[in-house]
């Protein structure tokens, strides 16, 4: 193998098709608690997908399944095909090689994933050497390159994790995730713990890395600014299922599911500063206590008898939603304000 970073980072098998990632009927079930319920989607090369929804929607469990991180307590069904390999059936050792080389991961809280006893540069260099076979000198050159890409000073390589701010730790984690030149970058709430100005710059940085490296991106987020600035497509999850999906502009401007509209209406933004944000009434059901029919019907202002009896399928061309009453949207301010969750359930 060549000792140059460029040659090493380009040495990957030719693609089978235009999809970097295919998810086919993915299910994740803990004892008595289904947390991901038969979801399917694909991701094209260079595309960015945002997965949104409240806590408990199954977003992070989906992300872990994409990585082949399997809990011994859970049962997995369906397929996750990443870089031509089925992550749901790969042995752990081979899945770890794919994770380090073909896909990078940025976790919500980088602290536990940075070794407190190792300097930042040494951690990134070790990742590069293990997954690309570069020499020590070439790996150190790569460390300098990726630190520059994420706007961290070269001196950062000599620091320990505890010497970095939260935002710098997050950037160090991003540097490590992209250090081996992956095709796919997965991110779990990458801006949730950051102050507003730092969050804004992180969003811009992620968008820049995506353009510069040709990355495909899957980001789990509550931050609608991240969705607007990064995502080409949006998947909305609720109770482990996809209830809406489509082009980002279409989903954000013309949602076709009441849950999506309420979620967007309750999301903070620069335009809502100084205003009290409305909340979606009611609670997300626990995985072991999901209502029959449409799982959102106890909280939905449009719920009718059919919603309680039969779960709707995703329908539509391009922009799809699992709702019997998509044609009644938008809800309007009066409907949102006067609805009491559970009253019509």
Protein backbone atom coordinates (compact mmCIF):
# COMPACT_ATOMS: atom_id res chain seq x y z
CA UNK A 1 0.00 0.00 0.00
CA UNK A 2 1.22 3.48 -0.78
CA UNK A 3 2.47 5.56 2.12
CA UNK A 4 0.52 8.62 1.00
CA UNK A 5 -2.80 9.44 2.64
CA UNK A 6 -4.54 10.12 -0.67
CA UNK A 7 -3.69 6.72 -2.11
CA UNK A 8 -4.67 4.90 1.06
CA UNK A 9 -7.94 6.74 1.49
CA UNK A 10 -8.98 6.02 -2.10
CA UNK A 11 -8.27 2.29 -1.84
CA UNK A 12 -11.76 0.89 -1.44
CA UNK A 13 -13.73 -1.66 -3.48
CA UNK A 14 -15.88 -0.36 -6.37
CA UNK A 15 -19.52 0.34 -5.47
CA UNK A 16 -22.23 -2.17 -6.31
CA UNK A 17 -24.81 0.52 -7.03
CA UNK A 18 -25.54 4.17 -6.35
CA UNK A 19 -26.74 3.45 -2.81
CA UNK A 20 -24.31 3.92 0.05
CA UNK A 21 -26.87 2.53 2.47
CA UNK A 22 -30.01 0.39 2.20
CA UNK A 23 -32.30 -0.36 5.14
CA UNK A 24 -34.87 -3.08 4.46
CA UNK A 25 -37.59 -3.88 6.98
CA UNK A 26 -35.39 -3.16 10.00
CA UNK A 27 -36.81 -4.24 13.36
CA UNK A 28 -35.18 -3.95 16.77
CA UNK A 29 -37.01 -5.51 19.69
CA UNK A 30 -36.03 -5.76 23.33
CA UNK A 31 -37.99 -8.19 25.55
CA UNK A 32 -41.60 -7.01 25.22
CA UNK A 33 -40.53 -3.66 23.76
CA UNK A 34 -40.29 -3.08 19.99
CA UNK A 35 -38.18 0.06 19.50
CA UNK A 36 -37.77 -0.01 15.69
CA UNK A 37 -40.70 -1.44 13.75
CA UNK A 38 -40.11 -2.41 10.14
CA UNK A 39 -38.48 0.69 8.66
CA UNK A 40 -37.00 0.90 5.16
CA UNK A 41 -35.06 3.64 3.39
CA UNK A 42 -31.98 4.13 1.25
CA UNK A 43 -29.26 6.75 0.94
CA UNK A 44 -27.60 7.71 -2.34
CA UNK A 45 -23.98 8.75 -2.69
CA UNK A 46 -23.45 12.33 -1.58
CA UNK A 47 -26.96 12.59 -0.10
CA UNK A 48 -27.79 13.85 3.40
CA UNK A 49 -30.71 12.39 5.35
CA UNK A 50 -32.09 13.78 8.61
CA UNK A 51 -34.01 11.52 10.99
CA UNK A 52 -36.22 13.56 13.30
CA UNK A 53 -38.70 12.85 16.07
CA UNK A 54 -39.11 13.14 19.83
CA UNK A 55 -37.08 11.14 22.32
CA UNK A 56 -38.29 7.55 22.28
CA UNK A 57 -39.03 7.56 18.54
CA UNK A 58 -36.35 4.93 17.82
CA UNK A 59 -33.90 7.25 16.07
CA UNK A 60 -30.74 6.39 18.01
CA UNK A 61 -31.52 2.65 18.02
CA UNK A 62 -31.79 2.89 14.24
CA UNK A 63 -28.41 4.62 14.07
CA UNK A 64 -26.75 1.94 16.19
CA UNK A 65 -28.25 -0.78 14.00
CA UNK A 66 -26.81 0.95 10.92
CA UNK A 67 -23.38 0.63 12.54
CA UNK A 68 -23.86 -3.03 13.40
CA UNK A 69 -23.76 -2.21 17.13
CA UNK A 70 -26.03 -4.94 18.43
CA UNK A 71 -27.23 -5.35 21.99
CA UNK A 72 -27.22 -8.96 23.23
CA UNK A 73 -30.62 -8.29 24.79
CA UNK A 74 -32.28 -7.30 21.51
CA UNK A 75 -33.60 -9.23 18.52
CA UNK A 76 -32.79 -7.79 15.08
CA UNK A 77 -34.71 -8.49 11.89
CA UNK A 78 -34.45 -7.10 8.39
CA UNK A 79 -31.27 -5.94 6.69
CA UNK A 80 -28.88 -3.00 6.81
CA UNK A 81 -26.62 -3.04 3.74
CA UNK A 82 -23.68 -0.65 4.09
CA UNK A 83 -20.78 -0.55 1.64
CA UNK A 84 -22.15 -3.75 0.08
CA UNK A 85 -22.15 -5.64 3.40
CA UNK A 86 -25.05 -6.69 5.60
CA UNK A 87 -24.30 -5.03 8.93
CA UNK A 88 -27.07 -6.95 10.69
CA UNK A 89 -25.34 -10.30 10.06
CA UNK A 90 -21.62 -9.45 9.96
CA UNK A 91 -19.40 -10.87 12.72
CA UNK A 92 -18.47 -8.20 15.25
CA UNK A 93 -14.82 -8.02 14.15
CA UNK A 94 -15.71 -7.44 10.50
CA UNK A 95 -18.43 -4.95 11.40
CA UNK A 96 -15.81 -3.03 13.42
CA UNK A 97 -13.57 -2.82 10.34
CA UNK A 98 -16.43 -1.43 8.26
CA UNK A 99 -17.27 1.09 11.00
CA UNK A 100 -13.74 2.41 11.12
CA UNK A 101 -13.12 2.51 7.37
CA UNK A 102 -16.34 2.94 5.40
CA UNK A 103 -18.45 4.83 7.93
CA UNK A 104 -17.63 7.44 10.58
CA UNK A 105 -19.72 8.06 13.68
CA UNK A 106 -20.11 11.20 15.79
CA UNK A 107 -21.90 10.52 19.06
CA UNK A 108 -24.05 13.01 20.93
CA UNK A 109 -21.67 13.21 23.90
CA UNK A 110 -18.08 12.79 22.71
CA UNK A 111 -16.60 12.55 26.22
CA UNK A 112 -16.99 8.79 26.76
CA UNK A 113 -15.61 8.06 23.27
CA UNK A 114 -12.36 9.99 23.72
CA UNK A 115 -9.70 8.15 25.73
CA UNK A 116 -8.79 10.45 28.66
CA UNK A 117 -5.26 9.00 28.84
CA UNK A 118 -4.35 9.64 25.19
CA UNK A 119 -3.60 12.92 23.45
CA UNK A 120 -6.06 13.87 20.71
CA UNK A 121 -3.48 13.52 17.95
CA UNK A 122 -2.47 10.05 19.11
CA UNK A 123 -6.10 8.89 19.11
CA UNK A 124 -6.73 10.11 15.58
CA UNK A 125 -3.41 8.71 14.34
CA UNK A 126 -4.16 5.29 15.87
CA UNK A 127 -7.54 5.22 14.13
CA UNK A 128 -5.90 6.04 10.79
CA UNK A 129 -3.13 3.45 11.17
CA UNK A 130 -5.46 0.63 12.23
CA UNK A 131 -7.91 1.14 9.38
CA UNK A 132 -5.66 2.28 6.51
CA UNK A 133 -2.25 0.76 7.25
CA UNK A 134 -0.44 4.08 6.91
CA UNK A 135 2.97 4.55 8.50
CA UNK A 136 3.30 6.60 11.68
CA UNK A 137 4.62 9.59 9.75
CA UNK A 138 1.83 9.49 7.18
CA UNK A 139 -0.77 9.08 9.91
CA UNK A 140 0.56 12.15 11.72
CA UNK A 141 0.32 14.14 8.47
CA UNK A 142 -3.27 12.99 8.19
CA UNK A 143 -3.93 14.17 11.76
CA UNK A 144 -2.74 17.65 10.82
CA UNK A 145 -4.98 17.64 7.73
CA UNK A 146 -8.18 16.65 9.52
CA UNK A 147 -7.61 19.01 12.45
CA UNK A 148 -7.33 21.81 9.90
CA UNK A 149 -10.51 20.62 8.20
CA UNK A 150 -12.48 20.94 11.44
CA UNK A 151 -10.84 24.26 12.30
CA UNK A 152 -8.77 23.08 15.24
CA UNK A 153 -5.24 24.44 15.70
CA UNK A 154 -2.34 21.98 15.11
CA UNK A 155 -1.48 22.32 18.80
CA UNK A 156 -4.74 20.54 19.62
CA UNK A 157 -3.02 17.26 18.71
CA UNK A 158 -0.89 17.55 21.87
CA UNK A 159 -3.84 18.14 24.20
CA UNK A 160 -5.77 15.62 26.28
CA UNK A 161 -9.60 15.49 26.00
CA UNK A 162 -10.14 17.18 29.38
CA UNK A 163 -8.20 20.20 28.10
CA UNK A 164 -10.77 20.80 25.34
CA UNK A 165 -14.09 22.62 25.59
CA UNK A 166 -17.27 20.74 24.70
CA UNK A 167 -17.31 22.25 21.23
CA UNK A 168 -13.65 21.35 20.66
CA UNK A 169 -14.27 17.79 21.82
CA UNK A 170 -17.10 17.55 19.32
CA UNK A 171 -14.81 18.78 16.53
CA UNK A 172 -12.11 16.33 17.58
CA UNK A 173 -14.68 13.55 17.34
CA UNK A 174 -15.67 14.76 13.85
CA UNK A 175 -11.98 14.81 12.85
CA UNK A 176 -11.58 11.22 14.02
CA UNK A 177 -14.77 10.17 12.22
CA UNK A 178 -13.61 11.53 8.85
CA UNK A 179 -9.90 10.71 9.25
CA UNK A 180 -10.10 7.49 7.23
CA UNK A 181 -12.06 9.06 4.37
CA UNK A 182 -15.39 7.30 4.90
CA UNK A 183 -18.20 7.47 2.37
CA UNK A 184 -20.82 7.74 5.09
CA UNK A 185 -20.94 9.90 8.22
CA UNK A 186 -23.49 9.15 10.95
CA UNK A 187 -24.22 11.83 13.55
CA UNK A 188 -26.34 11.60 16.70
CA UNK A 189 -27.56 15.04 17.87
CA UNK A 190 -24.28 16.75 16.89
CA UNK A 191 -25.35 20.22 18.08
CA UNK A 192 -27.52 19.51 21.13
CA UNK A 193 -24.97 20.47 23.82
CA UNK A 194 -23.56 23.55 22.11
CA UNK A 195 -24.24 27.24 22.64
CA UNK A 196 -26.04 29.06 19.83
CA UNK A 197 -23.03 30.71 18.09
CA UNK A 198 -20.94 27.53 18.34
CA UNK A 199 -23.90 25.44 17.15
CA UNK A 200 -24.31 27.67 14.11
CA UNK A 201 -20.66 27.26 13.14
CA UNK A 202 -20.82 23.49 13.65
CA UNK A 203 -23.77 23.29 11.26
CA UNK A 204 -21.80 25.24 8.66
CA UNK A 205 -18.73 23.05 9.25
CA UNK A 206 -20.68 19.82 8.72
CA UNK A 207 -22.13 21.21 5.49
CA UNK A 208 -18.64 22.22 4.31
CA UNK A 209 -17.13 18.80 5.09
CA UNK A 210 -19.96 17.15 3.23
CA UNK A 211 -19.27 19.22 0.11
CA UNK A 212 -15.47 18.94 0.29
CA UNK A 213 -15.34 15.19 0.92
CA UNK A 214 -18.43 14.11 -1.01
CA UNK A 215 -19.81 12.55 2.17
CA UNK A 216 -23.16 10.90 2.48
CA UNK A 217 -24.67 11.87 5.85
CA UNK A 218 -27.30 10.49 8.19
CA UNK A 219 -28.00 12.84 11.09
CA UNK A 220 -30.34 12.24 14.00
CA UNK A 221 -31.41 15.60 15.35
CA UNK A 222 -33.98 17.73 17.14
CA UNK A 223 -32.41 20.82 15.61
CA UNK A 224 -34.49 22.03 12.67
CA UNK A 225 -31.66 24.39 11.68
CA UNK A 226 -29.50 21.32 11.07
CA UNK A 227 -32.25 19.84 8.90
CA UNK A 228 -32.71 23.03 6.88
CA UNK A 229 -29.00 23.57 6.27
CA UNK A 230 -27.75 20.02 5.74
CA UNK A 231 -30.51 17.58 4.76
CA UNK A 232 -31.67 16.70 1.26
CA UNK A 233 -34.32 14.35 2.63
CA UNK A 234 -36.12 13.95 5.95
CA UNK A 235 -37.43 10.86 7.71
CA UNK A 236 -39.87 11.48 10.58
CA UNK A 237 -40.09 8.67 13.13
CA UNK A 238 -42.68 8.03 15.83
CA UNK A 239 -42.93 4.94 18.06
CA UNK A 240 -40.32 3.12 16.00
CA UNK A 241 -41.95 3.66 12.61
CA UNK A 242 -41.43 6.06 9.74
CA UNK A 243 -44.59 8.16 9.55
CA UNK A 244 -43.39 10.69 6.96
CA UNK A 245 -40.52 11.00 4.53
CA UNK A 246 -39.64 13.14 1.58
CA UNK A 247 -37.48 15.97 0.24
CA UNK A 248 -36.43 18.28 3.07
CA UNK A 249 -37.98 21.41 1.57
CA UNK A 250 -41.30 19.67 1.01
CA UNK A 251 -41.49 18.09 4.48
CA UNK A 252 -40.48 21.30 6.25
CA UNK A 253 -42.77 23.61 4.29
CA UNK A 254 -45.72 21.30 3.59
CA UNK A 255 -45.86 18.48 6.16
CA UNK A 256 -48.37 15.74 5.37
CA UNK A 257 -48.66 14.22 8.88
CA UNK A 258 -50.15 16.07 11.90
CA UNK A 259 -47.24 14.93 14.06
CA UNK A 260 -44.71 16.50 11.70
CA UNK A 261 -46.62 19.77 11.63
CA UNK A 262 -46.85 19.89 15.43
CA UNK A 263 -43.19 18.94 15.77
CA UNK A 264 -42.12 21.75 13.46
CA UNK A 265 -44.45 24.22 15.16
CA UNK A 266 -42.88 23.44 18.56
CA UNK A 267 -39.26 23.60 17.35
CA UNK A 268 -37.15 26.61 18.41
CA UNK A 269 -35.77 28.91 15.74
CA UNK A 270 -34.25 32.37 15.40
CA UNK A 271 -37.65 33.63 14.28
CA UNK A 272 -39.28 32.53 17.56
CA UNK A 273 -36.89 34.14 20.00
CA UNK A 274 -38.75 35.79 22.85
CA UNK A 275 -41.87 33.70 22.22
CA UNK A 276 -43.09 30.84 24.37
CA UNK A 277 -42.86 27.66 22.33
CA UNK A 278 -45.92 25.40 22.21
CA UNK A 279 -45.43 21.77 23.18
CA UNK A 280 -47.03 18.71 21.63
CA UNK A 281 -49.59 17.65 24.21
CA UNK A 282 -49.43 14.20 25.75
CA UNK A 283 -46.51 11.80 25.98
CA UNK A 284 -44.70 9.49 23.60
CA UNK A 285 -45.95 5.95 24.36
CA UNK A 286 -43.48 3.51 25.89
CA UNK A 287 -42.19 0.84 23.48
CA UNK A 288 -44.08 -1.87 25.36
CA UNK A 289 -47.36 0.08 25.35
CA UNK A 290 -47.80 1.32 21.77
CA UNK A 291 -51.47 2.07 20.92
CA UNK A 292 -53.22 0.04 18.25
CA UNK A 293 -53.87 1.62 14.88
CA UNK A 294 -51.97 4.82 14.27
CA UNK A 295 -49.66 5.14 17.27
CA UNK A 296 -50.05 8.94 17.24
CA UNK A 297 -53.86 8.95 17.47
CA UNK A 298 -54.09 9.64 21.28
CA UNK A 299 -52.25 12.93 20.68
CA UNK A 300 -53.67 13.82 17.26
CA UNK A 301 -56.31 16.53 16.67
CA UNK A 302 -57.52 14.72 13.53
CA UNK A 303 -57.95 11.27 15.09
CA UNK A 304 -61.04 9.30 14.03
CA UNK A 305 -62.27 5.74 14.47
CA UNK A 306 -60.23 4.44 11.53
CA UNK A 307 -57.04 5.77 13.15
CA UNK A 308 -57.67 3.72 16.28
CA UNK A 309 -58.34 0.51 14.39
CA UNK A 310 -55.93 0.25 11.48
CA UNK A 311 -52.37 1.52 11.16
CA UNK A 312 -51.99 3.55 7.94
CA UNK A 313 -49.27 2.75 5.44
CA UNK A 314 -46.87 5.27 3.97
CA UNK A 315 -48.44 6.56 0.78
CA UNK A 316 -47.71 9.19 -1.83
CA UNK A 317 -45.16 9.81 -4.56
CA UNK A 318 -41.80 11.24 -3.46
CA UNK A 319 -43.23 12.83 -0.32
CA UNK A 320 -44.99 10.08 1.63
CA UNK A 321 -46.95 10.05 4.87
CA UNK A 322 -48.75 7.43 7.00
CA UNK A 323 -51.94 9.38 7.68
CA UNK A 324 -55.57 9.03 6.57
CA UNK A 325 -56.15 12.77 6.75
CA UNK A 326 -53.14 14.38 5.07
CA UNK A 327 -55.54 16.43 2.95
CA UNK A 328 -56.76 18.25 6.10
CA UNK A 329 -53.39 19.88 6.76
CA UNK A 330 -52.25 22.43 7.74
CA UNK A 331 -54.06 22.22 11.07
CA UNK A 332 -54.30 25.95 11.73
CA UNK A 333 -53.67 27.83 14.96
CA UNK A 334 -57.17 27.31 16.36
CA UNK A 335 -57.00 23.53 16.04
CA UNK A 336 -53.56 23.38 17.62
CA UNK A 337 -54.54 25.57 20.57
CA UNK A 338 -57.92 23.97 21.34
CA UNK A 339 -57.01 20.31 21.04
CA UNK A 340 -56.70 18.34 24.30
CA UNK A 341 -54.67 15.14 23.87
CA UNK A 342 -56.61 12.04 24.76
CA UNK A 343 -60.01 13.75 24.51
CA UNK A 344 -60.87 12.08 21.21
CA UNK A 345 -58.74 8.98 21.71
